[in-house]
């Protein structure tokens, strides 16, 4: 049975509340860059893809498992 977007969102929220999902930025980053980051971050298989200004980046989620 395929889950709907609403069902998946409810499941995600029950497992990891949205207040715990965000990670802290420890560098001195201008707010405009963080807004651009959150606007373009996408989960793709086992990585997060995002673009800041015109530079595309990929974070492999395996790096966060340790």
N, C-alpha and C. Protein backbone atom coordinates (compact mmCIF):
# COMPACT_ATOMS: atom_id res chain seq x y z
N UNK A 1 0.84 -1.18 0.00
CA UNK A 1 0.00 0.00 0.00
C UNK A 1 0.89 1.24 0.00
N UNK A 2 0.67 2.12 -0.93
CA UNK A 2 1.44 3.35 -1.01
C UNK A 2 0.88 4.38 -0.03
N UNK A 3 1.77 5.08 0.64
CA UNK A 3 1.32 6.11 1.58
C UNK A 3 1.14 7.43 0.84
N UNK A 4 0.20 8.22 1.33
CA UNK A 4 0.00 9.54 0.76
C UNK A 4 0.99 10.51 1.40
N UNK A 5 1.10 11.67 0.83
CA UNK A 5 2.00 12.69 1.38
C UNK A 5 1.59 13.03 2.81
N UNK A 6 0.29 13.15 3.05
CA UNK A 6 -0.20 13.49 4.39
C UNK A 6 0.16 12.40 5.39
N UNK A 7 0.02 11.13 4.99
CA UNK A 7 0.35 10.02 5.88
C UNK A 7 1.85 10.00 6.18
N UNK A 8 2.67 10.23 5.15
CA UNK A 8 4.11 10.22 5.34
C UNK A 8 4.54 11.37 6.24
N UNK A 9 3.93 12.54 6.04
CA UNK A 9 4.25 13.70 6.87
C UNK A 9 3.90 13.43 8.33
N UNK A 10 2.73 12.83 8.57
CA UNK A 10 2.32 12.51 9.94
C UNK A 10 3.27 11.49 10.56
N UNK A 11 3.68 10.49 9.79
CA UNK A 11 4.62 9.49 10.29
C UNK A 11 5.97 10.13 10.62
N UNK A 12 6.47 10.96 9.71
CA UNK A 12 7.74 11.65 9.96
C UNK A 12 7.67 12.50 11.22
N UNK A 13 6.58 13.23 11.38
CA UNK A 13 6.41 14.12 12.54
C UNK A 13 6.33 13.31 13.83
N UNK A 14 5.71 12.14 13.79
CA UNK A 14 5.61 11.32 15.00
C UNK A 14 6.95 10.70 15.39
N UNK A 15 7.77 10.38 14.39
CA UNK A 15 9.07 9.77 14.67
C UNK A 15 10.13 10.80 15.08
N UNK A 16 10.17 11.92 14.37
CA UNK A 16 11.14 12.97 14.66
C UNK A 16 10.41 14.31 14.59
N UNK A 17 10.06 14.88 15.74
CA UNK A 17 9.36 16.17 15.73
C UNK A 17 10.15 17.23 14.98
N UNK A 18 9.45 18.12 14.32
CA UNK A 18 10.10 19.13 13.48
C UNK A 18 11.05 20.02 14.28
N UNK A 19 10.83 20.14 15.58
CA UNK A 19 11.73 20.95 16.40
C UNK A 19 13.09 20.30 16.56
N UNK A 20 13.19 18.99 16.32
CA UNK A 20 14.46 18.28 16.47
C UNK A 20 15.14 18.02 15.12
N UNK A 21 14.46 18.31 14.02
CA UNK A 21 15.00 18.00 12.70
C UNK A 21 16.11 18.94 12.27
N UNK A 22 16.02 20.18 12.64
CA UNK A 22 17.00 21.17 12.19
C UNK A 22 18.33 20.93 12.88
N UNK A 23 19.40 21.10 12.14
CA UNK A 23 20.72 21.00 12.74
C UNK A 23 21.28 22.39 12.91
N UNK A 24 22.20 22.53 13.83
CA UNK A 24 22.75 23.84 14.13
C UNK A 24 23.86 24.20 13.17
N UNK A 25 23.89 25.45 12.80
CA UNK A 25 24.99 25.96 11.99
C UNK A 25 25.96 26.62 12.95
N UNK A 26 27.19 26.12 12.98
CA UNK A 26 28.15 26.62 13.95
C UNK A 26 29.06 27.69 13.36
N UNK A 27 28.93 27.98 12.09
CA UNK A 27 29.75 29.01 11.47
C UNK A 27 28.97 30.33 11.47
N UNK A 28 29.67 31.40 11.24
CA UNK A 28 29.04 32.71 11.14
C UNK A 28 28.53 32.86 9.70
N UNK A 29 27.26 32.50 9.50
CA UNK A 29 26.67 32.48 8.16
C UNK A 29 25.61 33.57 8.09
N UNK A 30 25.68 34.44 7.09
CA UNK A 30 24.64 35.46 6.95
C UNK A 30 23.26 34.81 6.79
N UNK A 31 22.26 35.44 7.36
CA UNK A 31 20.91 34.88 7.35
C UNK A 31 20.40 34.63 5.94
N UNK A 32 20.73 35.48 5.00
CA UNK A 32 20.24 35.30 3.63
C UNK A 32 20.70 33.97 3.05
N UNK A 33 21.91 33.53 3.40
CA UNK A 33 22.39 32.25 2.88
C UNK A 33 21.61 31.09 3.49
N UNK A 34 21.26 31.18 4.77
CA UNK A 34 20.48 30.11 5.39
C UNK A 34 19.09 30.04 4.76
N UNK A 35 18.49 31.18 4.45
CA UNK A 35 17.19 31.18 3.79
C UNK A 35 17.29 30.52 2.42
N UNK A 36 18.35 30.82 1.69
CA UNK A 36 18.54 30.20 0.38
C UNK A 36 18.78 28.71 0.52
N UNK A 37 19.55 28.31 1.55
CA UNK A 37 19.83 26.89 1.77
C UNK A 37 18.54 26.12 2.01
N UNK A 38 17.72 26.60 2.95
CA UNK A 38 16.50 25.87 3.27
C UNK A 38 15.54 25.86 2.10
N UNK A 39 15.59 26.88 1.26
CA UNK A 39 14.72 26.93 0.09
C UNK A 39 15.10 25.94 -0.99
N UNK A 40 16.34 25.46 -0.97
CA UNK A 40 16.79 24.58 -2.05
C UNK A 40 17.22 23.20 -1.58
N UNK A 41 17.20 22.91 -0.29
CA UNK A 41 17.64 21.60 0.21
C UNK A 41 16.60 20.53 -0.12
N UNK A 42 17.07 19.43 -0.70
CA UNK A 42 16.19 18.33 -1.08
C UNK A 42 16.82 17.01 -0.65
N UNK A 43 16.01 16.11 -0.10
CA UNK A 43 16.48 14.78 0.24
C UNK A 43 16.41 13.92 -1.01
N UNK A 44 17.52 13.28 -1.36
CA UNK A 44 17.59 12.45 -2.56
C UNK A 44 18.30 11.16 -2.20
N UNK A 45 17.55 10.07 -2.12
CA UNK A 45 18.08 8.76 -1.70
C UNK A 45 18.82 8.91 -0.36
N UNK A 46 20.12 8.70 -0.33
CA UNK A 46 20.89 8.77 0.92
C UNK A 46 21.73 10.04 1.01
N UNK A 47 21.24 11.12 0.43
CA UNK A 47 22.00 12.36 0.48
C UNK A 47 21.05 13.56 0.50
N UNK A 48 21.60 14.69 0.88
CA UNK A 48 20.87 15.95 0.83
C UNK A 48 21.54 16.80 -0.23
N UNK A 49 20.76 17.24 -1.19
CA UNK A 49 21.29 18.09 -2.26
C UNK A 49 20.79 19.51 -2.02
N UNK A 50 21.67 20.48 -2.17
CA UNK A 50 21.27 21.86 -1.99
C UNK A 50 22.13 22.77 -2.85
N UNK A 51 21.65 23.99 -3.01
CA UNK A 51 22.36 24.97 -3.81
C UNK A 51 22.38 26.29 -3.06
N UNK A 52 23.55 26.88 -2.94
CA UNK A 52 23.70 28.21 -2.35
C UNK A 52 24.32 29.08 -3.43
N UNK A 53 23.68 30.20 -3.68
CA UNK A 53 24.02 31.04 -4.83
C UNK A 53 23.92 30.16 -6.07
N UNK A 54 25.01 29.93 -6.76
CA UNK A 54 24.96 29.07 -7.95
C UNK A 54 25.74 27.78 -7.75
N UNK A 55 26.29 27.55 -6.56
CA UNK A 55 27.10 26.36 -6.30
C UNK A 55 26.22 25.23 -5.76
N UNK A 56 26.22 24.09 -6.46
CA UNK A 56 25.47 22.91 -6.02
C UNK A 56 26.35 22.06 -5.12
N UNK A 57 25.76 21.52 -4.05
CA UNK A 57 26.49 20.67 -3.10
C UNK A 57 25.66 19.45 -2.74
N UNK A 58 26.35 18.40 -2.30
CA UNK A 58 25.70 17.16 -1.88
C UNK A 58 26.32 16.73 -0.56
N UNK A 59 25.48 16.44 0.44
CA UNK A 59 25.92 15.88 1.71
C UNK A 59 25.46 14.44 1.77
N UNK A 60 26.39 13.51 1.94
CA UNK A 60 26.05 12.10 2.06
C UNK A 60 25.59 11.83 3.49
N UNK A 61 24.42 11.26 3.65
CA UNK A 61 23.87 11.03 4.99
C UNK A 61 24.65 9.99 5.77
N UNK A 62 25.43 9.15 5.12
CA UNK A 62 26.26 8.17 5.82
C UNK A 62 27.25 8.87 6.76
N UNK A 63 27.66 10.07 6.43
CA UNK A 63 28.61 10.81 7.26
C UNK A 63 27.99 11.17 8.62
N UNK A 64 26.67 11.25 8.70
CA UNK A 64 25.99 11.64 9.94
C UNK A 64 25.65 10.45 10.83
N UNK A 65 25.85 9.23 10.36
CA UNK A 65 25.45 8.05 11.12
C UNK A 65 26.37 7.74 12.29
N UNK A 66 27.57 8.26 12.30
CA UNK A 66 28.52 7.97 13.37
C UNK A 66 28.23 8.76 14.56
